[in-house]
Amino acid sequence: MSTTTTDTPTTNKPSLNSQGTAFRSLSVSIAKGFLRDKGALFFALIFPLMFLVLFGGCSTPMRRRGPTSC
């Protein structure tokens, strides 16, 4: 009598550790690309801060500074 063994099919599913590593390396490369782009940095950081200072200065209470010029 001969016995045949059946091999269980192996899946090529990546492990959770390799998915985390891939996500981390992709996130780092996107962040590096963002930091190298001067236009993106300006419109993401400096431009909103300019609006914050401009409109924040216009909305101070009048009893502290007097009338504002805005």
C-alpha atoms as a PDB file:
ATOM      1  CA  MET A   1       0.000   0.000   0.000  1.00  0.00           C
ATOM      2  CA  SER A   2       1.406   3.382  -0.887  1.00  0.00           C
ATOM      3  CA  THR A   3       0.580   6.539   0.915  1.00  0.00           C
ATOM      4  CA  THR A   4       0.556   9.866  -0.788  1.00  0.00           C
ATOM      5  CA  THR A   5       1.099  13.031   1.083  1.00  0.00           C
ATOM      6  CA  THR A   6      -0.629  16.149   0.027  1.00  0.00           C
ATOM      7  CA  ASP A   7       1.251  19.334   0.509  1.00  0.00           C
ATOM      8  CA  THR A   8      -0.704  22.172   1.962  1.00  0.00           C
ATOM      9  CA  PRO A   9      -0.641  25.177  -0.335  1.00  0.00           C
ATOM     10  CA  THR A  10       1.533  27.971   0.911  1.00  0.00           C
ATOM     11  CA  THR A  11       0.253  31.476   0.714  1.00  0.00           C
ATOM     12  CA  ASN A  12       2.446  34.387  -0.219  1.00  0.00           C
ATOM     13  CA  LYS A  13       0.724  36.656   2.250  1.00  0.00           C
ATOM     14  CA  PRO A  14       3.146  39.176   3.757  1.00  0.00           C
ATOM     15  CA  SER A  15       3.554  39.122   7.486  1.00  0.00           C
ATOM     16  CA  LEU A  16       2.319  41.952   9.667  1.00  0.00           C
ATOM     17  CA  ASN A  17       5.867  42.989  10.466  1.00  0.00           C
ATOM     18  CA  SER A  18       6.792  43.500   6.816  1.00  0.00           C
ATOM     19  CA  GLN A  19       3.604  45.524   6.261  1.00  0.00           C
ATOM     20  CA  GLY A  20       4.523  47.803   9.159  1.00  0.00           C
ATOM     21  CA  THR A  21       8.031  48.201   7.822  1.00  0.00           C
ATOM     22  CA  ALA A  22       6.726  49.029   4.360  1.00  0.00           C
ATOM     23  CA  PHE A  23       4.302  51.580   5.787  1.00  0.00           C
ATOM     24  CA  ARG A  24       7.048  53.184   7.856  1.00  0.00           C
ATOM     25  CA  SER A  25       9.479  53.442   4.945  1.00  0.00           C
ATOM     26  CA  LEU A  26       6.777  54.865   2.680  1.00  0.00           C
ATOM     27  CA  SER A  27       5.808  57.424   5.326  1.00  0.00           C
ATOM     28  CA  VAL A  28       9.431  58.480   5.793  1.00  0.00           C
ATOM     29  CA  SER A  29       9.964  58.907   2.061  1.00  0.00           C
ATOM     30  CA  ILE A  30       6.781  61.000   1.715  1.00  0.00           C
ATOM     31  CA  ALA A  31       7.836  63.182   4.664  1.00  0.00           C
ATOM     32  CA  LYS A  32      11.293  63.704   3.155  1.00  0.00           C
ATOM     33  CA  GLY A  33       9.755  64.693  -0.163  1.00  0.00           C
ATOM     34  CA  PHE A  34       7.429  67.127   1.598  1.00  0.00           C
ATOM     35  CA  LEU A  35      10.301  68.716   3.523  1.00  0.00           C
ATOM     36  CA  ARG A  36      12.309  69.171   0.323  1.00  0.00           C
ATOM     37  CA  ASP A  37       9.474  70.995  -1.449  1.00  0.00           C
ATOM     38  CA  LYS A  38       9.782  74.663  -0.467  1.00  0.00           C
ATOM     39  CA  GLY A  39       6.427  75.657  -1.952  1.00  0.00           C
ATOM     40  CA  ALA A  40       4.578  72.985  -0.012  1.00  0.00           C
ATOM     41  CA  LEU A  41       6.277  74.045   3.212  1.00  0.00           C
ATOM     42  CA  PHE A  42       5.353  77.688   2.634  1.00  0.00           C
ATOM     43  CA  PHE A  43       1.677  77.020   1.974  1.00  0.00           C
ATOM     44  CA  ALA A  44       1.379  74.401   4.718  1.00  0.00           C
ATOM     45  CA  LEU A  45       3.152  76.299   7.520  1.00  0.00           C
ATOM     46  CA  ILE A  46       4.026  79.950   6.844  1.00  0.00           C
ATOM     47  CA  PHE A  47       0.922  81.017   4.912  1.00  0.00           C
ATOM     48  CA  PRO A  48      -1.565  79.880   7.613  1.00  0.00           C
ATOM     49  CA  LEU A  49       0.597  81.476  10.316  1.00  0.00           C
ATOM     50  CA  MET A  50       0.497  84.789   8.444  1.00  0.00           C
ATOM     51  CA  PHE A  51      -3.312  84.664   8.431  1.00  0.00           C
ATOM     52  CA  LEU A  52      -3.325  83.778  12.113  1.00  0.00           C
ATOM     53  CA  VAL A  53      -1.162  86.783  12.991  1.00  0.00           C
ATOM     54  CA  LEU A  54      -3.038  89.132  10.659  1.00  0.00           C
ATOM     55  CA  PHE A  55      -6.563  88.264  11.761  1.00  0.00           C
ATOM     56  CA  GLY A  56      -5.554  87.560  15.353  1.00  0.00           C
ATOM     57  CA  GLY A  57      -4.156  91.087  15.620  1.00  0.00           C
ATOM     58  CA  CYS A  58      -7.365  92.560  14.241  1.00  0.00           C
ATOM     59  CA  SER A  59      -9.595  90.771  16.699  1.00  0.00           C
ATOM     60  CA  THR A  60      -8.049  91.895  19.994  1.00  0.00           C
ATOM     61  CA  PRO A  61     -10.435  93.570  22.422  1.00  0.00           C
ATOM     62  CA  MET A  62     -10.696  97.337  21.911  1.00  0.00           C
ATOM     63  CA  ARG A  63     -10.403  98.162  25.624  1.00  0.00           C
ATOM     64  CA  ARG A  64      -6.841  96.830  25.729  1.00  0.00           C
ATOM     65  CA  ARG A  65      -5.227  98.387  22.677  1.00  0.00           C
ATOM     66  CA  GLY A  66      -7.726 100.909  21.480  1.00  0.00           C
ATOM     67  CA  PRO A  67      -9.134 100.900  17.958  1.00  0.00           C
ATOM     68  CA  THR A  68      -7.303  98.685  15.516  1.00  0.00           C
ATOM     69  CA  SER A  69      -6.391  99.692  12.026  1.00  0.00           C
ATOM     70  CA  CYS A  70      -7.938  96.589  10.425  1.00  0.00           C
END
